[in-house]
Each structure stands twice: as structure tokens, then as C-alpha cells.
Amino acid sequence: MAKGVLCDVNFGGSSAATALISGMIALALEANSHLTARDIKHVLIESCDHKGLNESSLFKRNGAGYYYHNVFGFGYPVATRMIQLAKSWKILSELLYDTHVSNLNGHQRCEVKLYVTCNTTNTCIEKTEQILVHVTFAHPANHKASIVAASPKGTRSVLFERAISSGDLIHGSFKAIFLSNHFWGENPNGTWTIHLGSAACNYSEGKSFIQNVSISVYGTGTGRGFGEIHLSEKLNNKKTNSTPKITSRRQYMLLSDFRTDISYESVFYLRTDFCYLVSLCCLVTCFIIFLYWAAPK
């Protein structure tokens, strides 16, 4: 390092994390250039640890034995583990996808149970990689609400928790798609529970209740697979059987900022692509700053 160059030990947040994780992924790809985006996601999770963090005591263990946190995911990846896994990585089974929809028949409920099982098309998911929860619920403005998903194994994932403003509502309803990786490795078959937490969940007044909910499960098992998830795939492409693009960068996606000109599926893509663009800009900026600091004075 050039003389006089100082190290910033207070640089943190998503900007620092993006640069560090990008470097780790680069090392994994150098060890095995055949890794796909889905392989990298597996390698990251399998190499994670949570010991030594201030939040370590708040990590919980899911039904498959993986430790997770509602904010910090599976913890931090260990670079040496990533490289070792990358070198010996084996091809993954094909990705399977299945959706299960609730039938509320107009009933006002703050808790909905859905039964997930192998469907009639012979698709049977045995290990979950992630879920998407599509939910629409009525809610008064300026009241706090939370959405919690619980798996058949008892794992609970907080998908959403904040006050809902009037701008988030369309005709008094809130509609969004929530993503969770917290059920990684679990067998999804059984009864799932989607709970709407709100002080307005009063059945006599009917101010807050779930109107529609469905769970889309992605994972491995037996059946016809959908192949690899590519960043260029579009969710609204009706001519193919390609699966939606998946990201673990955010725990949930809010769709209320967009209206009828853009489909909810397209919004999911726009939010994800924007996150990747911001991350790329941060990474380039960090590299330029480093070159400036390291240059001989």
C-alpha cells in the first residue's frame, strides 16, 4: 500500500457488503468457472456462519437445521468455505415450482392456512429453496401491519412489518409479493399459515383482513423441472415455462408505488434490477476511490 494512504475502518452498510461479497463470489468463480447464479446462492448459504455477531443470540434454526435471522438472513459467508465448496461443487437437481392458492370464499380472516402437497402434475418438491407469498388484504391507512409466514416445520418468517400509508392502498387494499429464503432446505409439504398482525383485525368491524393469498414454492424434488434461473428471464413472458427471476437481496418487495400501467410481476423485476444497478454503481465507485488512495503521492 502506498505511503500515506489511510484505511477507513468505519465504512459499512450495503455499499461495503456489496464490494466484499462481490470479491468472495469472484474467488469462488475463479475456483470453479462453471458455477451458475443458482449455484452461487447455494454456496453462499452453505458457507454462512453467524457466530461473533452482536445479533448471534437472535438467530433461529429452521426445520432443516439452517440458522437464520429476520434481517441478516443466514449470517455472513466465510470465504475459505466458499472456495472449498466451489471446487467440489456438484450439479444441482432441476428447479421445481408449484403454486398453492387459498379459497377464502369472501370470508374475513386475519390468519389463513394453506395445505401444500404434491400436485396433480406429478411435481413433488421435497427441499425448499425459497417461497413467494402473494397477498392482498384490506387495511385502514396509517395503521401498522405485519405479515408472518409459518411453515409446516414451525419456522416463522416475518415478511413485512410497518405502518401502511394511504398512498400504499388501492381502494382500501394492499397488494404485494413477499419473498423469503428462511425455509431453505425444509420439506414444504403440509400446512402453512399466513398471519396478518394488526390492531384493526376486528372481525366485527371488518377493517383489516386477508382477501387473497397464495404461496409459490421453489425447490428440488421429483417432477418436471424449470431449469436455471437467468437474470434476463421475464416474469410476464407467457410463451415460455420460464420461472420468475429470484433474488435474495431483499426480504420483501413493495408494489404499491406502481399502478395499472405496469403489472405486479413487472414491478417485481424493476425493483430487483434497480437493486442490482445501485449495487454495481457502489462497487465501481469503491474501486475508483481505492485506486485514488493507492496511487503514489
Protein backbone atom coordinates (compact mmCIF):
# COMPACT_ATOMS: atom_id res chain seq x y z
CA MET A 1 0.00 0.00 0.00
CA ALA A 2 1.28 3.46 -0.88
CA LYS A 3 2.76 5.55 1.91
CA GLY A 4 0.34 7.97 3.49
CA VAL A 5 -2.78 6.08 2.40
CA LEU A 6 -5.27 5.66 5.24
CA CYS A 7 -7.70 2.81 5.75
CA ASP A 8 -11.30 3.64 6.61
CA VAL A 9 -12.41 1.22 9.31
CA ASN A 10 -15.85 2.84 9.59
CA PHE A 11 -17.00 2.05 6.06
CA GLY A 12 -20.08 -0.18 6.36
CA GLY A 13 -23.63 -0.75 5.22
CA SER A 14 -24.81 -2.24 1.95
CA SER A 15 -22.09 -0.45 -0.06
CA ALA A 16 -19.32 -2.20 1.86
CA ALA A 17 -21.19 -5.52 1.87
CA THR A 18 -21.67 -5.41 -1.89
CA ALA A 19 -17.95 -4.94 -2.52
CA LEU A 20 -16.91 -7.66 -0.05
CA ILE A 21 -19.41 -10.27 -1.25
CA SER A 22 -18.61 -9.50 -4.89
CA GLY A 23 -14.96 -10.21 -4.16
CA MET A 24 -15.83 -13.51 -2.45
CA ILE A 25 -18.01 -14.56 -5.38
CA ALA A 26 -15.16 -13.69 -7.75
CA LEU A 27 -12.86 -16.03 -5.80
CA ALA A 28 -15.48 -18.80 -5.94
CA LEU A 29 -15.86 -18.35 -9.71
CA GLU A 30 -12.08 -18.41 -10.10
CA ALA A 31 -12.09 -21.77 -8.32
CA ASN A 32 -14.94 -23.05 -10.47
CA SER A 33 -15.93 -21.02 -13.54
CA HIS A 34 -18.90 -23.31 -14.26
CA LEU A 35 -20.95 -22.09 -11.28
CA THR A 36 -24.32 -20.57 -12.18
CA ALA A 37 -26.21 -17.85 -10.31
CA ARG A 38 -28.25 -20.53 -8.54
CA ASP A 39 -25.07 -22.42 -7.62
CA ILE A 40 -23.62 -19.25 -6.11
CA LYS A 41 -26.72 -18.78 -3.99
CA HIS A 42 -26.33 -22.33 -2.63
CA VAL A 43 -22.62 -21.82 -1.99
CA LEU A 44 -23.27 -18.57 -0.12
CA ILE A 45 -25.85 -20.14 2.19
CA GLU A 46 -23.88 -23.35 2.78
CA SER A 47 -20.77 -21.36 3.75
CA CYS A 48 -22.52 -18.95 6.14
CA ASP A 49 -21.84 -18.54 9.84
CA HIS A 50 -23.42 -16.30 12.48
CA LYS A 51 -21.01 -16.64 15.40
CA GLY A 52 -19.38 -13.48 16.71
CA LEU A 53 -22.18 -11.13 15.60
CA ASN A 54 -23.96 -8.83 18.03
CA GLU A 55 -27.20 -10.43 16.84
CA SER A 56 -25.94 -14.02 17.19
CA SER A 57 -28.32 -14.85 20.05
CA LEU A 58 -31.31 -13.82 17.90
CA PHE A 59 -30.59 -16.31 15.13
CA LYS A 60 -33.13 -19.15 14.96
CA ARG A 61 -32.83 -22.61 13.49
CA ASN A 62 -35.27 -23.60 10.74
CA GLY A 63 -36.73 -27.04 10.18
CA ALA A 64 -33.77 -28.10 8.02
CA GLY A 65 -31.11 -27.04 10.54
CA TYR A 66 -30.08 -23.70 8.97
CA TYR A 67 -29.69 -20.70 11.26
CA TYR A 68 -31.45 -17.55 10.04
CA HIS A 69 -32.22 -14.01 11.17
CA ASN A 70 -35.15 -11.85 10.06
CA VAL A 71 -32.79 -9.03 9.00
CA PHE A 72 -29.35 -10.63 8.47
CA GLY A 73 -30.50 -13.75 6.64
CA PHE A 74 -28.15 -16.69 7.22
CA GLY A 75 -25.33 -14.55 8.61
CA TYR A 76 -22.01 -13.89 6.88
CA PRO A 77 -20.30 -16.11 4.27
CA VAL A 78 -16.84 -17.47 5.06
CA ALA A 79 -14.53 -17.03 2.05
CA THR A 80 -12.44 -20.17 2.67
CA ARG A 81 -15.56 -22.32 2.90
CA MET A 82 -16.92 -20.77 -0.29
CA ILE A 83 -13.78 -21.64 -2.24
CA GLN A 84 -13.69 -25.21 -0.91
CA LEU A 85 -17.36 -25.73 -1.80
CA ALA A 86 -16.87 -24.18 -5.24
CA LYS A 87 -14.02 -26.55 -6.09
CA SER A 88 -16.05 -29.68 -5.28
CA TRP A 89 -19.50 -28.37 -6.29
CA LYS A 90 -21.82 -30.84 -7.99
CA ILE A 91 -24.61 -30.08 -10.45
CA LEU A 92 -27.88 -29.24 -8.72
CA SER A 93 -31.14 -31.02 -9.34
CA GLU A 94 -33.58 -29.20 -11.61
CA LEU A 95 -35.52 -26.38 -10.03
CA LEU A 96 -39.21 -27.14 -9.45
CA TYR A 97 -42.03 -24.67 -8.99
CA ASP A 98 -45.53 -25.04 -7.62
CA THR A 99 -48.26 -22.59 -6.54
CA HIS A 100 -50.99 -23.17 -3.97
CA VAL A 101 -53.93 -20.76 -3.71
CA SER A 102 -56.28 -20.29 -0.76
CA ASN A 103 -60.03 -20.34 -1.24
CA LEU A 104 -61.47 -17.84 1.23
CA ASN A 105 -64.90 -17.54 -0.43
CA GLY A 106 -65.27 -13.98 0.84
CA HIS A 107 -64.58 -14.85 4.48
CA GLN A 108 -62.79 -12.22 6.56
CA ARG A 109 -59.76 -13.80 8.19
CA CYS A 110 -56.57 -12.48 9.76
CA GLU A 111 -54.99 -15.94 9.61
CA VAL A 112 -55.14 -18.25 6.62
CA LYS A 113 -53.96 -21.84 6.39
CA LEU A 114 -52.87 -23.40 3.09
CA TYR A 115 -52.13 -27.05 2.55
CA VAL A 116 -49.13 -27.69 0.30
CA THR A 117 -48.80 -31.13 -1.25
CA CYS A 118 -47.53 -32.84 -4.39
CA ASN A 119 -49.88 -31.66 -7.13
CA THR A 120 -51.68 -33.48 -9.92
CA THR A 121 -48.93 -32.72 -12.46
CA ASN A 122 -46.58 -35.07 -10.57
CA THR A 123 -44.45 -32.20 -9.24
CA CYS A 124 -43.29 -33.02 -5.72
CA ILE A 125 -40.96 -30.52 -4.03
CA GLU A 126 -39.03 -32.07 -1.16
CA LYS A 127 -36.47 -29.32 -0.39
CA THR A 128 -37.44 -25.67 -0.39
CA GLU A 129 -35.13 -23.01 -1.77
CA GLN A 130 -37.50 -20.10 -1.33
CA ILE A 131 -41.13 -19.07 -1.34
CA LEU A 132 -43.10 -16.18 -2.78
CA VAL A 133 -46.23 -15.15 -0.90
CA HIS A 134 -48.78 -13.23 -2.98
CA VAL A 135 -51.19 -11.49 -0.63
CA THR A 136 -53.96 -8.91 -0.81
CA PHE A 137 -55.50 -7.58 2.39
CA ALA A 138 -57.85 -4.79 3.40
CA HIS A 139 -56.36 -2.32 5.85
CA PRO A 140 -57.03 1.19 7.17
CA ALA A 141 -54.47 3.90 6.38
CA ASN A 142 -51.81 4.89 8.92
CA HIS A 143 -52.11 1.66 10.88
CA LYS A 144 -49.24 -0.76 11.43
CA ALA A 145 -49.49 -4.22 9.89
CA SER A 146 -47.29 -7.30 9.76
CA ILE A 147 -47.32 -10.43 7.63
CA VAL A 148 -45.78 -13.60 9.07
CA ALA A 149 -45.45 -16.93 7.26
CA ALA A 150 -45.10 -20.17 9.22
CA SER A 151 -44.05 -23.44 7.59
CA PRO A 152 -45.24 -26.96 8.45
CA LYS A 153 -41.96 -27.37 10.37
CA GLY A 154 -42.78 -24.40 12.60
CA THR A 155 -40.30 -21.94 11.06
CA ARG A 156 -41.61 -18.37 11.19
CA SER A 157 -40.55 -15.65 8.77
CA VAL A 158 -41.55 -12.00 9.20
CA LEU A 159 -42.28 -10.93 5.63
CA PHE A 160 -43.49 -7.41 6.32
CA GLU A 161 -43.83 -5.05 9.27
CA ARG A 162 -44.59 -1.34 9.12
CA ALA A 163 -47.33 1.27 9.06
CA ILE A 164 -49.29 1.48 5.81
CA SER A 165 -49.91 4.95 4.41
CA SER A 166 -52.86 5.95 2.25
CA GLY A 167 -50.57 6.02 -0.79
CA ASP A 168 -49.90 2.28 -0.36
CA LEU A 169 -53.57 1.40 -0.64
CA ILE A 170 -55.66 0.81 -3.75
CA HIS A 171 -59.37 1.05 -2.94
CA GLY A 172 -58.55 0.30 0.69
CA SER A 173 -56.48 -2.79 -0.09
CA PHE A 174 -52.76 -3.51 -0.01
CA LYS A 175 -51.31 -5.94 -2.55
CA ALA A 176 -47.73 -7.21 -2.68
CA ILE A 177 -45.40 -10.15 -3.30
CA PHE A 178 -43.17 -11.15 -0.40
CA LEU A 179 -40.06 -13.31 -0.79
CA SER A 180 -38.41 -15.45 1.89
CA ASN A 181 -35.39 -17.76 1.96
CA HIS A 182 -35.79 -18.61 5.64
CA PHE A 183 -37.35 -22.01 4.86
CA TRP A 184 -34.26 -23.15 2.95
CA GLY A 185 -33.90 -26.94 2.87
CA GLU A 186 -37.26 -27.70 4.51
CA ASN A 187 -39.84 -30.10 3.10
CA PRO A 188 -42.70 -27.72 2.18
CA ASN A 189 -45.47 -30.31 2.23
CA GLY A 190 -48.00 -29.75 4.98
CA THR A 191 -49.99 -26.87 6.44
CA TRP A 192 -48.65 -23.32 6.01
CA THR A 193 -50.02 -20.38 7.99
CA ILE A 194 -50.12 -16.77 6.79
CA HIS A 195 -50.90 -14.39 9.64
CA LEU A 196 -51.92 -10.74 9.34
CA GLY A 197 -50.99 -8.90 12.52
CA SER A 198 -52.91 -5.68 13.04
CA ALA A 199 -54.78 -3.84 15.79
CA ALA A 200 -57.52 -3.35 13.17
CA CYS A 201 -58.09 -7.11 12.82
CA ASN A 202 -61.51 -6.92 14.38
CA TYR A 203 -63.94 -9.31 12.76
CA SER A 204 -66.98 -7.35 13.90
CA GLU A 205 -65.77 -4.14 12.27
CA GLY A 206 -64.02 -5.79 9.33
CA LYS A 207 -61.38 -3.09 8.98
CA SER A 208 -58.42 -5.38 8.34
CA PHE A 209 -58.47 -8.88 6.88
CA ILE A 210 -56.81 -11.06 4.23
CA GLN A 211 -58.68 -11.08 0.93
CA ASN A 212 -56.48 -13.35 -1.21
CA VAL A 213 -53.27 -15.27 -0.58
CA SER A 214 -51.18 -17.85 -2.41
CA ILE A 215 -47.80 -19.47 -1.90
CA SER A 216 -45.36 -20.24 -4.71
CA VAL A 217 -42.72 -22.76 -3.64
CA TYR A 218 -39.37 -23.15 -5.43
CA GLY A 219 -37.11 -26.09 -4.70
CA THR A 220 -35.95 -29.56 -5.67
CA GLY A 221 -37.59 -32.95 -5.66
CA THR A 222 -39.24 -35.05 -8.32
CA GLY A 223 -41.11 -33.85 -11.38
CA ARG A 224 -40.65 -31.71 -14.44
CA GLY A 225 -38.03 -29.05 -13.75
CA PHE A 226 -37.85 -25.47 -14.95
CA GLY A 227 -34.06 -25.35 -15.31
CA GLU A 228 -31.82 -22.50 -14.25
CA ILE A 229 -33.00 -19.02 -13.28
CA HIS A 230 -31.43 -16.40 -15.53
CA LEU A 231 -31.38 -12.69 -14.88
CA SER A 232 -32.68 -11.98 -18.38
CA GLU A 233 -35.87 -14.00 -17.96
CA LYS A 234 -39.09 -12.01 -17.77
CA LEU A 235 -41.88 -12.92 -15.46
CA ASN A 236 -44.58 -11.78 -17.85
CA ASN A 237 -43.39 -13.92 -20.76
CA LYS A 238 -46.47 -16.06 -21.33
CA LYS A 239 -44.99 -18.04 -24.23
CA THR A 240 -42.48 -19.99 -22.16
CA ASN A 241 -42.41 -22.00 -18.97
CA SER A 242 -39.51 -20.00 -17.55
CA THR A 243 -39.64 -19.34 -13.83
CA PRO A 244 -39.59 -15.87 -12.29
CA LYS A 245 -36.23 -14.32 -11.59
CA ILE A 246 -35.37 -14.76 -7.91
CA THR A 247 -33.31 -12.56 -5.64
CA SER A 248 -32.35 -12.86 -2.01
CA ARG A 249 -31.21 -9.28 -1.71
CA ARG A 250 -34.48 -8.11 -0.16
CA GLN A 251 -36.79 -9.86 2.21
CA TYR A 252 -39.89 -8.34 0.65
CA MET A 253 -40.99 -6.35 -2.40
CA LEU A 254 -43.44 -3.45 -2.14
CA LEU A 255 -45.53 -2.93 -5.23
CA SER A 256 -47.74 -0.06 -4.13
CA ASP A 257 -45.64 2.67 -5.79
CA PHE A 258 -46.78 1.50 -9.21
CA ARG A 259 -50.24 1.38 -10.67
CA THR A 260 -52.16 -0.26 -13.52
CA ASP A 261 -49.75 0.69 -16.34
CA ILE A 262 -47.26 -1.87 -15.03
CA SER A 263 -48.13 -5.40 -13.98
CA TYR A 264 -47.18 -6.53 -10.48
CA GLU A 265 -44.85 -9.10 -11.99
CA SER A 266 -43.06 -6.38 -13.96
CA VAL A 267 -42.72 -4.29 -10.81
CA PHE A 268 -41.02 -7.23 -9.10
CA TYR A 269 -38.46 -7.16 -11.92
CA LEU A 270 -37.99 -3.40 -11.87
CA ARG A 271 -37.33 -3.35 -8.14
CA THR A 272 -34.83 -6.20 -8.44
CA ASP A 273 -33.00 -4.72 -11.45
CA PHE A 274 -32.76 -1.37 -9.68
CA CYS A 275 -31.10 -3.02 -6.66
CA TYR A 276 -28.52 -4.67 -8.92
CA LEU A 277 -27.84 -1.36 -10.70
CA VAL A 278 -27.29 0.50 -7.43
CA SER A 279 -25.00 -2.28 -6.17
CA LEU A 280 -22.94 -2.17 -9.37
CA CYS A 281 -22.54 1.62 -9.14
CA CYS A 282 -21.41 1.30 -5.50
CA LEU A 283 -18.86 -1.35 -6.43
CA VAL A 284 -17.39 0.75 -9.26
CA THR A 285 -17.23 3.83 -7.03
CA CYS A 286 -15.40 1.91 -4.28
CA PHE A 287 -12.87 0.63 -6.82
CA ILE A 288 -12.18 4.14 -8.16
CA ILE A 289 -11.72 5.51 -4.61
CA PHE A 290 -9.30 2.68 -3.80
CA LEU A 291 -7.21 3.40 -6.93
CA TYR A 292 -7.05 7.08 -5.98
CA TRP A 293 -5.93 6.33 -2.43
CA ALA A 294 -3.40 3.68 -3.53
CA ALA A 295 -1.81 5.90 -6.18
CA PRO A 296 1.69 7.22 -5.31
CA LYS A 297 1.50 10.77 -3.94
